């Protein structure tokens, strides 16, 4: 669903390959609920702590003050996110 469909939500998917990292861009995940569709995701927070989340977990990365996402496993990590349209 996108704002172009006149729907009130945006939905997108992100894949992080084995051994890859994805730095957080400011406001990239603002107001988004994120579900881990597959794999194990390591989240590094701004204060330096790490937490690993698994398939089926639901996160609010913006509220966690995440600064980096990493796939430490041998399989890909797939994330699906949804938030209210900012339009």
N, C-alpha and C. Protein backbone atom coordinates (compact mmCIF):
# COMPACT_ATOMS: atom_id res chain seq x y z
N UNK A 1 0.84 -1.18 0.00
CA UNK A 1 0.00 0.00 0.00
C UNK A 1 0.88 1.24 0.00
N UNK A 2 0.53 2.17 -0.81
CA UNK A 2 1.29 3.42 -0.85
C UNK A 2 0.34 4.60 -0.87
N UNK A 3 0.89 5.77 -0.63
CA UNK A 3 0.09 6.99 -0.66
C UNK A 3 -0.51 7.20 -2.05
N UNK A 4 0.14 6.68 -3.12
CA UNK A 4 -0.38 6.82 -4.47
C UNK A 4 -1.71 6.11 -4.65
N UNK A 5 -1.98 5.12 -3.83
CA UNK A 5 -3.23 4.38 -3.88
C UNK A 5 -4.32 5.04 -3.04
N UNK A 6 -4.04 6.24 -2.53
CA UNK A 6 -4.96 6.94 -1.62
C UNK A 6 -5.27 6.12 -0.38
N UNK A 7 -4.32 5.33 0.05
CA UNK A 7 -4.47 4.55 1.27
C UNK A 7 -3.68 5.23 2.37
N UNK A 8 -4.10 5.07 3.59
CA UNK A 8 -3.44 5.79 4.67
C UNK A 8 -2.13 5.18 5.18
N UNK A 9 -1.64 4.10 4.52
CA UNK A 9 -0.43 3.44 5.00
C UNK A 9 0.60 3.26 3.90
N UNK A 10 1.86 3.24 4.31
CA UNK A 10 2.97 2.90 3.43
C UNK A 10 3.50 1.54 3.90
N UNK A 11 3.88 0.71 2.96
CA UNK A 11 4.45 -0.59 3.30
C UNK A 11 5.65 -0.82 2.40
N UNK A 12 6.74 -1.31 2.99
CA UNK A 12 7.94 -1.59 2.20
C UNK A 12 8.70 -2.75 2.81
N UNK A 13 9.59 -3.32 2.01
CA UNK A 13 10.40 -4.46 2.45
C UNK A 13 11.88 -4.12 2.27
N UNK A 14 12.70 -4.70 3.14
CA UNK A 14 14.15 -4.50 3.11
C UNK A 14 14.81 -5.86 3.27
N UNK A 15 15.83 -6.12 2.48
CA UNK A 15 16.59 -7.37 2.63
C UNK A 15 18.02 -7.00 2.98
N UNK A 16 18.57 -7.72 3.96
CA UNK A 16 19.96 -7.55 4.37
C UNK A 16 20.63 -8.90 4.19
N UNK A 17 21.61 -8.95 3.31
CA UNK A 17 22.28 -10.20 3.00
C UNK A 17 23.19 -10.68 4.12
N UNK A 18 23.62 -11.94 4.07
CA UNK A 18 24.51 -12.49 5.08
C UNK A 18 25.78 -11.64 5.23
N UNK A 19 26.10 -11.30 6.46
CA UNK A 19 27.29 -10.52 6.74
C UNK A 19 27.17 -9.03 6.44
N UNK A 20 26.02 -8.59 5.94
CA UNK A 20 25.85 -7.18 5.58
C UNK A 20 25.32 -6.37 6.75
N UNK A 21 25.58 -5.06 6.68
CA UNK A 21 25.06 -4.11 7.67
C UNK A 21 24.31 -3.02 6.93
N UNK A 22 23.41 -2.38 7.65
CA UNK A 22 22.65 -1.26 7.09
C UNK A 22 22.55 -0.17 8.14
N UNK A 23 23.32 0.90 7.97
CA UNK A 23 23.21 2.02 8.91
C UNK A 23 21.82 2.66 8.81
N UNK A 24 21.34 3.14 9.92
CA UNK A 24 20.03 3.80 9.97
C UNK A 24 20.18 5.25 9.50
N UNK A 25 19.33 5.64 8.58
CA UNK A 25 19.25 7.02 8.11
C UNK A 25 18.22 7.73 9.00
N UNK A 26 18.51 8.94 9.47
CA UNK A 26 17.55 9.64 10.35
C UNK A 26 16.14 9.65 9.75
N UNK A 27 15.18 9.34 10.56
CA UNK A 27 13.74 9.31 10.22
C UNK A 27 13.36 8.24 9.21
N UNK A 28 14.29 7.39 8.78
CA UNK A 28 13.97 6.33 7.83
C UNK A 28 12.87 5.41 8.35
N UNK A 29 12.91 5.12 9.63
CA UNK A 29 11.96 4.18 10.23
C UNK A 29 10.98 4.89 11.17
N UNK A 30 10.87 6.20 11.08
CA UNK A 30 9.99 6.96 11.98
C UNK A 30 8.55 6.45 11.87
N UNK A 31 7.96 6.18 13.02
CA UNK A 31 6.56 5.72 13.13
C UNK A 31 6.28 4.38 12.46
N UNK A 32 7.31 3.63 12.09
CA UNK A 32 7.10 2.35 11.42
C UNK A 32 7.12 1.19 12.40
N UNK A 33 6.24 0.23 12.16
CA UNK A 33 6.29 -1.05 12.83
C UNK A 33 6.96 -2.02 11.86
N UNK A 34 7.95 -2.74 12.35
CA UNK A 34 8.77 -3.60 11.50
C UNK A 34 8.63 -5.04 11.97
N UNK A 35 8.34 -5.94 11.04
CA UNK A 35 8.26 -7.37 11.34
C UNK A 35 9.43 -8.06 10.66
N UNK A 36 10.09 -8.93 11.40
CA UNK A 36 11.17 -9.72 10.82
C UNK A 36 10.53 -10.93 10.15
N UNK A 37 10.56 -10.92 8.83
CA UNK A 37 9.93 -11.99 8.05
C UNK A 37 10.80 -13.24 8.02
N UNK A 38 12.13 -13.04 7.99
CA UNK A 38 13.04 -14.19 8.03
C UNK A 38 14.40 -13.75 8.55
N UNK A 39 15.11 -14.69 9.13
CA UNK A 39 16.47 -14.44 9.59
C UNK A 39 16.56 -13.90 11.01
N UNK A 40 17.78 -13.58 11.40
CA UNK A 40 18.08 -13.03 12.73
C UNK A 40 18.74 -11.67 12.53
N UNK A 41 18.18 -10.65 13.16
CA UNK A 41 18.63 -9.28 12.99
C UNK A 41 19.30 -8.77 14.25
N UNK A 42 20.53 -8.28 14.12
CA UNK A 42 21.22 -7.63 15.23
C UNK A 42 21.00 -6.13 15.12
N UNK A 43 20.47 -5.53 16.18
CA UNK A 43 20.20 -4.09 16.21
C UNK A 43 21.16 -3.44 17.18
N UNK A 44 21.92 -2.46 16.68
CA UNK A 44 22.80 -1.68 17.54
C UNK A 44 22.13 -0.35 17.81
N UNK A 45 22.01 0.01 19.08
CA UNK A 45 21.36 1.25 19.47
C UNK A 45 22.38 2.38 19.58
N UNK A 46 21.90 3.62 19.58
CA UNK A 46 22.76 4.79 19.65
C UNK A 46 23.69 4.75 20.86
N UNK A 47 23.24 4.17 21.95
CA UNK A 47 24.05 4.12 23.17
C UNK A 47 25.05 2.97 23.16
N UNK A 48 25.09 2.18 22.06
CA UNK A 48 26.09 1.14 21.92
C UNK A 48 25.64 -0.26 22.24
N UNK A 49 24.49 -0.44 22.87
CA UNK A 49 24.00 -1.78 23.17
C UNK A 49 23.52 -2.50 21.93
N UNK A 50 23.52 -3.83 21.99
CA UNK A 50 23.06 -4.68 20.88
C UNK A 50 21.97 -5.60 21.38
N UNK A 51 21.05 -5.93 20.49
CA UNK A 51 20.02 -6.92 20.79
C UNK A 51 19.73 -7.68 19.50
N UNK A 52 19.57 -8.99 19.60
CA UNK A 52 19.24 -9.79 18.43
C UNK A 52 17.76 -10.13 18.45
N UNK A 53 17.13 -9.96 17.29
CA UNK A 53 15.71 -10.26 17.12
C UNK A 53 15.57 -11.33 16.04
N UNK A 54 14.47 -12.09 16.11
CA UNK A 54 14.31 -13.26 15.26
C UNK A 54 13.01 -13.19 14.45
N UNK A 55 12.89 -14.12 13.50
CA UNK A 55 11.70 -14.20 12.65
C UNK A 55 10.43 -14.12 13.49
N UNK A 56 9.52 -13.26 13.06
CA UNK A 56 8.25 -13.08 13.75
C UNK A 56 8.24 -11.95 14.76
N UNK A 57 9.42 -11.48 15.17
CA UNK A 57 9.48 -10.37 16.13
C UNK A 57 9.01 -9.09 15.45
N UNK A 58 8.36 -8.22 16.23
CA UNK A 58 7.88 -6.94 15.75
C UNK A 58 8.61 -5.84 16.52
N UNK A 59 9.16 -4.87 15.79
CA UNK A 59 9.98 -3.83 16.39
C UNK A 59 9.51 -2.44 15.98
N UNK A 60 9.90 -1.47 16.76
CA UNK A 60 9.78 -0.06 16.40
C UNK A 60 11.20 0.49 16.46
N UNK A 61 11.92 0.42 15.35
CA UNK A 61 13.34 0.77 15.32
C UNK A 61 13.60 2.21 15.72
N UNK A 62 12.71 3.10 15.35
CA UNK A 62 12.88 4.51 15.72
C UNK A 62 12.82 4.68 17.24
N UNK A 63 11.91 3.98 17.87
CA UNK A 63 11.77 4.07 19.33
C UNK A 63 12.93 3.41 20.05
N UNK A 64 13.55 2.41 19.40
CA UNK A 64 14.72 1.75 19.99
C UNK A 64 15.97 2.62 19.87
N UNK A 65 15.85 3.70 19.10
CA UNK A 65 16.99 4.58 18.81
C UNK A 65 18.13 3.77 18.18
N UNK A 66 17.74 2.94 17.21
CA UNK A 66 18.69 2.10 16.51
C UNK A 66 19.58 2.94 15.61
N UNK A 67 20.86 2.54 15.50
CA UNK A 67 21.75 3.25 14.59
C UNK A 67 22.32 2.34 13.50
N UNK A 68 22.22 1.01 13.70
CA UNK A 68 22.75 0.09 12.71
C UNK A 68 22.01 -1.24 12.78
N UNK A 69 21.75 -1.81 11.61
CA UNK A 69 21.15 -3.14 11.51
C UNK A 69 22.18 -4.06 10.89
N UNK A 70 22.31 -5.26 11.41
CA UNK A 70 23.30 -6.20 10.88
C UNK A 70 22.72 -7.60 10.80
N UNK A 71 23.14 -8.31 9.77
CA UNK A 71 22.80 -9.71 9.61
C UNK A 71 24.06 -10.50 9.93
N UNK A 72 24.08 -11.12 11.09
CA UNK A 72 25.25 -11.88 11.52
C UNK A 72 25.15 -13.35 11.12
N UNK A 73 24.03 -13.73 10.51
CA UNK A 73 23.80 -15.13 10.17
C UNK A 73 24.22 -15.48 8.76
N UNK A 74 23.96 -16.74 8.39
CA UNK A 74 24.33 -17.25 7.07
C UNK A 74 23.20 -17.08 6.05
N UNK A 75 21.99 -16.74 6.52
CA UNK A 75 20.84 -16.56 5.64
C UNK A 75 20.45 -15.09 5.60
N UNK A 76 19.71 -14.71 4.57
CA UNK A 76 19.25 -13.34 4.44
C UNK A 76 18.23 -12.97 5.51
N UNK A 77 18.19 -11.70 5.86
CA UNK A 77 17.19 -11.14 6.76
C UNK A 77 16.21 -10.35 5.90
N UNK A 78 14.93 -10.61 6.09
CA UNK A 78 13.90 -9.86 5.39
C UNK A 78 13.05 -9.13 6.41
N UNK A 79 12.89 -7.82 6.20
CA UNK A 79 12.08 -6.99 7.07
C UNK A 79 10.91 -6.44 6.26
N UNK A 80 9.75 -6.36 6.89
CA UNK A 80 8.59 -5.72 6.30
C UNK A 80 8.15 -4.64 7.26
N UNK A 81 7.95 -3.42 6.72
CA UNK A 81 7.61 -2.28 7.56
C UNK A 81 6.31 -1.64 7.09
N UNK A 82 5.58 -1.07 8.03
CA UNK A 82 4.34 -0.36 7.72
C UNK A 82 4.25 0.86 8.63
N UNK A 83 3.74 1.95 8.08
CA UNK A 83 3.51 3.16 8.87
C UNK A 83 2.41 3.98 8.20
N UNK A 84 1.87 4.92 8.95
CA UNK A 84 0.90 5.84 8.38
C UNK A 84 1.58 6.63 7.27
N UNK A 85 0.85 6.91 6.24
CA UNK A 85 1.39 7.70 5.15
C UNK A 85 1.75 9.09 5.66
N UNK A 86 2.90 9.60 5.23
CA UNK A 86 3.34 10.92 5.66
C UNK A 86 2.88 11.99 4.69
N UNK A 87 2.04 11.63 3.81
CA UNK A 87 1.53 12.52 2.78
C UNK A 87 0.51 13.47 3.33
